[in-house]
N, C-alpha and C. Protein backbone atom coordinates (compact mmCIF):
# COMPACT_ATOMS: atom_id res chain seq x y z
N MET A 1 0.84 -1.18 0.00
CA MET A 1 0.00 0.00 0.00
C MET A 1 0.89 1.24 0.00
N ALA A 2 0.70 2.07 -0.97
CA ALA A 2 1.53 3.27 -1.11
C ALA A 2 1.06 4.35 -0.15
N THR A 3 2.03 5.09 0.36
CA THR A 3 1.71 6.16 1.30
C THR A 3 1.32 7.43 0.55
N ARG A 4 0.52 8.26 1.20
CA ARG A 4 0.06 9.47 0.53
C ARG A 4 0.59 10.74 1.19
N HIS A 5 1.39 10.58 2.26
CA HIS A 5 1.90 11.76 2.93
C HIS A 5 2.96 12.43 2.07
N LYS A 6 2.82 13.74 1.92
CA LYS A 6 3.79 14.48 1.11
C LYS A 6 5.20 14.32 1.64
N SER A 7 5.34 14.37 2.96
CA SER A 7 6.67 14.27 3.56
C SER A 7 7.31 12.91 3.30
N ALA A 8 6.48 11.87 3.31
CA ALA A 8 7.00 10.52 3.07
C ALA A 8 7.41 10.35 1.61
N VAL A 9 6.64 10.95 0.72
CA VAL A 9 6.96 10.88 -0.71
C VAL A 9 8.26 11.62 -0.98
N LYS A 10 8.41 12.79 -0.38
CA LYS A 10 9.64 13.56 -0.55
C LYS A 10 10.84 12.81 0.06
N ALA A 11 10.65 12.25 1.25
CA ALA A 11 11.72 11.50 1.91
C ALA A 11 12.17 10.34 1.04
N ASN A 12 11.23 9.69 0.39
CA ASN A 12 11.56 8.58 -0.49
C ASN A 12 12.38 9.06 -1.69
N ARG A 13 11.97 10.19 -2.27
CA ARG A 13 12.73 10.76 -3.39
C ARG A 13 14.16 11.09 -2.97
N GLN A 14 14.30 11.68 -1.79
CA GLN A 14 15.62 12.05 -1.28
C GLN A 14 16.48 10.80 -1.05
N THR A 15 15.88 9.77 -0.51
CA THR A 15 16.61 8.52 -0.24
C THR A 15 17.13 7.91 -1.52
N ILE A 16 16.29 7.88 -2.54
CA ILE A 16 16.69 7.32 -3.84
C ILE A 16 17.84 8.12 -4.42
N LYS A 17 17.74 9.44 -4.37
CA LYS A 17 18.78 10.31 -4.92
C LYS A 17 20.09 10.15 -4.15
N ARG A 18 20.00 10.12 -2.83
CA ARG A 18 21.18 9.99 -1.98
C ARG A 18 21.85 8.63 -2.18
N THR A 19 21.05 7.58 -2.29
CA THR A 19 21.57 6.23 -2.48
C THR A 19 22.35 6.15 -3.79
N GLU A 20 21.79 6.73 -4.84
CA GLU A 20 22.45 6.73 -6.15
C GLU A 20 23.77 7.49 -6.10
N HIS A 21 23.76 8.64 -5.43
CA HIS A 21 24.97 9.46 -5.30
C HIS A 21 26.05 8.70 -4.53
N ASN A 22 25.67 8.08 -3.42
CA ASN A 22 26.62 7.32 -2.61
C ASN A 22 27.17 6.13 -3.38
N ARG A 23 26.33 5.51 -4.20
CA ARG A 23 26.77 4.37 -5.01
C ARG A 23 27.84 4.82 -6.01
N GLU A 24 27.63 5.98 -6.63
CA GLU A 24 28.62 6.52 -7.58
C GLU A 24 29.95 6.79 -6.88
N LEU A 25 29.88 7.38 -5.69
CA LEU A 25 31.09 7.69 -4.94
C LEU A 25 31.84 6.42 -4.54
N ARG A 26 31.09 5.41 -4.10
CA ARG A 26 31.69 4.15 -3.70
C ARG A 26 32.37 3.46 -4.89
N THR A 27 31.73 3.55 -6.06
CA THR A 27 32.31 2.98 -7.28
C THR A 27 33.61 3.68 -7.63
N LYS A 28 33.61 5.01 -7.50
CA LYS A 28 34.82 5.80 -7.78
C LYS A 28 35.96 5.40 -6.84
N LEU A 29 35.63 5.21 -5.57
CA LEU A 29 36.62 4.79 -4.58
C LEU A 29 37.19 3.42 -4.92
N ARG A 30 36.32 2.47 -5.21
CA ARG A 30 36.76 1.11 -5.51
C ARG A 30 37.62 1.07 -6.77
N SER A 31 37.27 1.88 -7.76
CA SER A 31 38.06 1.94 -8.99
C SER A 31 39.46 2.48 -8.71
N GLY A 32 39.52 3.51 -7.87
CA GLY A 32 40.82 4.09 -7.51
C GLY A 32 41.70 3.10 -6.76
N LEU A 33 41.09 2.38 -5.83
CA LEU A 33 41.83 1.38 -5.06
C LEU A 33 42.30 0.25 -5.97
N LYS A 34 41.43 -0.17 -6.87
CA LYS A 34 41.79 -1.25 -7.79
C LYS A 34 42.95 -0.83 -8.69
N ALA A 35 42.94 0.43 -9.14
CA ALA A 35 43.98 0.94 -10.03
C ALA A 35 45.35 0.95 -9.35
N ILE A 36 45.41 1.46 -8.12
CA ILE A 36 46.70 1.53 -7.43
C ILE A 36 47.19 0.14 -7.04
N ARG A 37 46.28 -0.74 -6.68
CA ARG A 37 46.68 -2.12 -6.35
C ARG A 37 47.23 -2.82 -7.59
N ALA A 38 46.59 -2.59 -8.74
CA ALA A 38 47.05 -3.19 -9.99
C ALA A 38 48.44 -2.66 -10.35
N ALA A 39 48.67 -1.36 -10.14
CA ALA A 39 49.98 -0.76 -10.44
C ALA A 39 51.06 -1.37 -9.54
N ILE A 40 50.73 -1.57 -8.28
CA ILE A 40 51.70 -2.15 -7.34
C ILE A 40 51.98 -3.61 -7.72
N ASP A 41 50.93 -4.36 -8.00
CA ASP A 41 51.09 -5.78 -8.33
C ASP A 41 51.86 -6.00 -9.63
N SER A 42 51.68 -5.08 -10.59
CA SER A 42 52.38 -5.23 -11.87
C SER A 42 53.85 -4.84 -11.77
N GLY A 43 54.24 -4.27 -10.63
CA GLY A 43 55.64 -3.90 -10.43
C GLY A 43 55.95 -2.48 -10.89
N ASP A 44 54.93 -1.74 -11.29
CA ASP A 44 55.12 -0.37 -11.75
C ASP A 44 55.08 0.56 -10.53
N THR A 45 56.14 0.52 -9.74
CA THR A 45 56.17 1.29 -8.49
C THR A 45 56.21 2.79 -8.73
N ALA A 46 56.78 3.22 -9.85
CA ALA A 46 56.83 4.65 -10.17
C ALA A 46 55.42 5.21 -10.36
N ALA A 47 54.61 4.49 -11.11
CA ALA A 47 53.22 4.91 -11.33
C ALA A 47 52.42 4.83 -10.04
N ALA A 48 52.69 3.81 -9.25
CA ALA A 48 51.97 3.64 -7.98
C ALA A 48 52.30 4.79 -7.03
N LYS A 49 53.59 5.17 -6.95
CA LYS A 49 53.99 6.28 -6.08
C LYS A 49 53.38 7.59 -6.56
N ALA A 50 53.26 7.75 -7.88
CA ALA A 50 52.68 8.97 -8.45
C ALA A 50 51.20 9.08 -8.11
N SER A 51 50.49 7.97 -8.11
CA SER A 51 49.05 8.01 -7.84
C SER A 51 48.72 7.83 -6.36
N LEU A 52 49.75 7.71 -5.53
CA LEU A 52 49.53 7.48 -4.10
C LEU A 52 48.78 8.64 -3.44
N SER A 53 49.23 9.86 -3.65
CA SER A 53 48.58 11.01 -3.01
C SER A 53 47.16 11.21 -3.54
N LYS A 54 46.97 10.94 -4.82
CA LYS A 54 45.63 11.05 -5.42
C LYS A 54 44.68 10.04 -4.78
N THR A 55 45.17 8.83 -4.59
CA THR A 55 44.35 7.78 -3.98
C THR A 55 44.06 8.10 -2.51
N PHE A 56 45.08 8.59 -1.80
CA PHE A 56 44.88 8.96 -0.40
C PHE A 56 43.83 10.07 -0.27
N SER A 57 43.90 11.03 -1.18
CA SER A 57 42.93 12.12 -1.18
C SER A 57 41.52 11.59 -1.39
N LEU A 58 41.39 10.65 -2.33
CA LEU A 58 40.09 10.04 -2.62
C LEU A 58 39.56 9.29 -1.40
N ILE A 59 40.43 8.53 -0.75
CA ILE A 59 40.04 7.78 0.45
C ILE A 59 39.59 8.74 1.56
N ASP A 60 40.35 9.82 1.76
CA ASP A 60 40.01 10.80 2.79
C ASP A 60 38.68 11.49 2.51
N LYS A 61 38.42 11.79 1.25
CA LYS A 61 37.16 12.43 0.87
C LYS A 61 35.98 11.50 1.16
N MET A 62 36.13 10.24 0.83
CA MET A 62 35.05 9.28 1.06
C MET A 62 34.81 9.08 2.56
N SER A 63 35.88 9.14 3.32
CA SER A 63 35.77 9.03 4.77
C SER A 63 35.05 10.26 5.35
N ALA A 64 35.39 11.42 4.83
CA ALA A 64 34.77 12.67 5.31
C ALA A 64 33.28 12.70 4.98
N LYS A 65 32.91 12.09 3.86
CA LYS A 65 31.49 12.07 3.45
C LYS A 65 30.73 10.90 4.05
N LYS A 66 31.42 10.14 4.91
CA LYS A 66 30.83 8.98 5.60
C LYS A 66 30.40 7.87 4.63
N ILE A 67 31.07 7.79 3.48
CA ILE A 67 30.82 6.68 2.56
C ILE A 67 31.49 5.44 3.13
N ILE A 68 32.67 5.64 3.73
CA ILE A 68 33.35 4.57 4.45
C ILE A 68 33.69 5.07 5.85
N HIS A 69 33.90 4.16 6.76
CA HIS A 69 34.24 4.51 8.14
C HIS A 69 35.67 5.02 8.21
N ASP A 70 35.96 5.85 9.19
CA ASP A 70 37.30 6.41 9.36
C ASP A 70 38.36 5.32 9.53
N ASN A 71 38.05 4.30 10.29
CA ASN A 71 39.00 3.21 10.51
C ASN A 71 39.24 2.42 9.22
N THR A 72 38.20 2.29 8.41
CA THR A 72 38.34 1.60 7.13
C THR A 72 39.28 2.39 6.23
N ALA A 73 39.14 3.71 6.23
CA ALA A 73 40.02 4.57 5.43
C ALA A 73 41.47 4.39 5.88
N GLY A 74 41.69 4.39 7.17
CA GLY A 74 43.03 4.19 7.70
C GLY A 74 43.61 2.84 7.32
N ARG A 75 42.76 1.83 7.37
CA ARG A 75 43.19 0.48 7.01
C ARG A 75 43.57 0.40 5.54
N TYR A 76 42.77 1.00 4.67
CA TYR A 76 43.08 1.02 3.24
C TYR A 76 44.44 1.69 2.99
N LYS A 77 44.63 2.85 3.59
CA LYS A 77 45.87 3.60 3.38
C LYS A 77 47.07 2.82 3.92
N SER A 78 46.91 2.23 5.08
CA SER A 78 47.98 1.47 5.70
C SER A 78 48.39 0.30 4.83
N ARG A 79 47.43 -0.43 4.32
CA ARG A 79 47.71 -1.61 3.50
C ARG A 79 48.35 -1.24 2.17
N ILE A 80 47.93 -0.12 1.59
CA ILE A 80 48.53 0.33 0.33
C ILE A 80 49.99 0.67 0.54
N VAL A 81 50.28 1.44 1.60
CA VAL A 81 51.66 1.83 1.88
C VAL A 81 52.51 0.61 2.19
N LYS A 82 51.96 -0.30 2.97
CA LYS A 82 52.68 -1.52 3.34
C LYS A 82 53.03 -2.34 2.11
N LYS A 83 52.06 -2.48 1.21
CA LYS A 83 52.26 -3.24 -0.02
C LYS A 83 53.29 -2.56 -0.92
N LEU A 84 53.19 -1.24 -1.02
CA LEU A 84 54.11 -0.47 -1.86
C LEU A 84 55.53 -0.53 -1.31
N THR A 85 55.67 -0.41 0.00
CA THR A 85 56.98 -0.47 0.65
C THR A 85 57.62 -1.84 0.43
N LYS A 86 56.81 -2.88 0.55
CA LYS A 86 57.30 -4.25 0.36
C LYS A 86 57.77 -4.45 -1.07
N LYS A 87 57.01 -3.91 -2.04
CA LYS A 87 57.38 -4.04 -3.46
C LYS A 87 58.66 -3.29 -3.78
N THR A 88 58.82 -2.08 -3.23
CA THR A 88 60.01 -1.28 -3.53
C THR A 88 61.24 -1.86 -2.85
N ALA A 89 61.06 -2.52 -1.70
CA ALA A 89 62.20 -3.10 -0.98
C ALA A 89 62.76 -4.31 -1.73
N THR A 90 61.86 -5.09 -2.34
CA THR A 90 62.30 -6.27 -3.07
C THR A 90 62.84 -5.93 -4.46
N ALA A 91 62.40 -4.80 -4.99
CA ALA A 91 62.84 -4.41 -6.36
C ALA A 91 64.24 -3.83 -6.39
């Protein structure tokens, strides 16, 4: 049964719009993470180091917008640096 309250209809519209926006942001974040991980795994440490600050900025923005939790952002950044450091040490 559909609701007829104007406020409920508007709230539903806002939820749909917000959900779509958050989904786009989450996709952008995941693509960025996938790109830097691929660069590290392929051994292209120069490209990975170049995109490091860009990726960190993206992670911080998503954390600030509450798309991901602050601790999750820290964990992502920590793991990227750890992986990059390990790759550069062996190279």
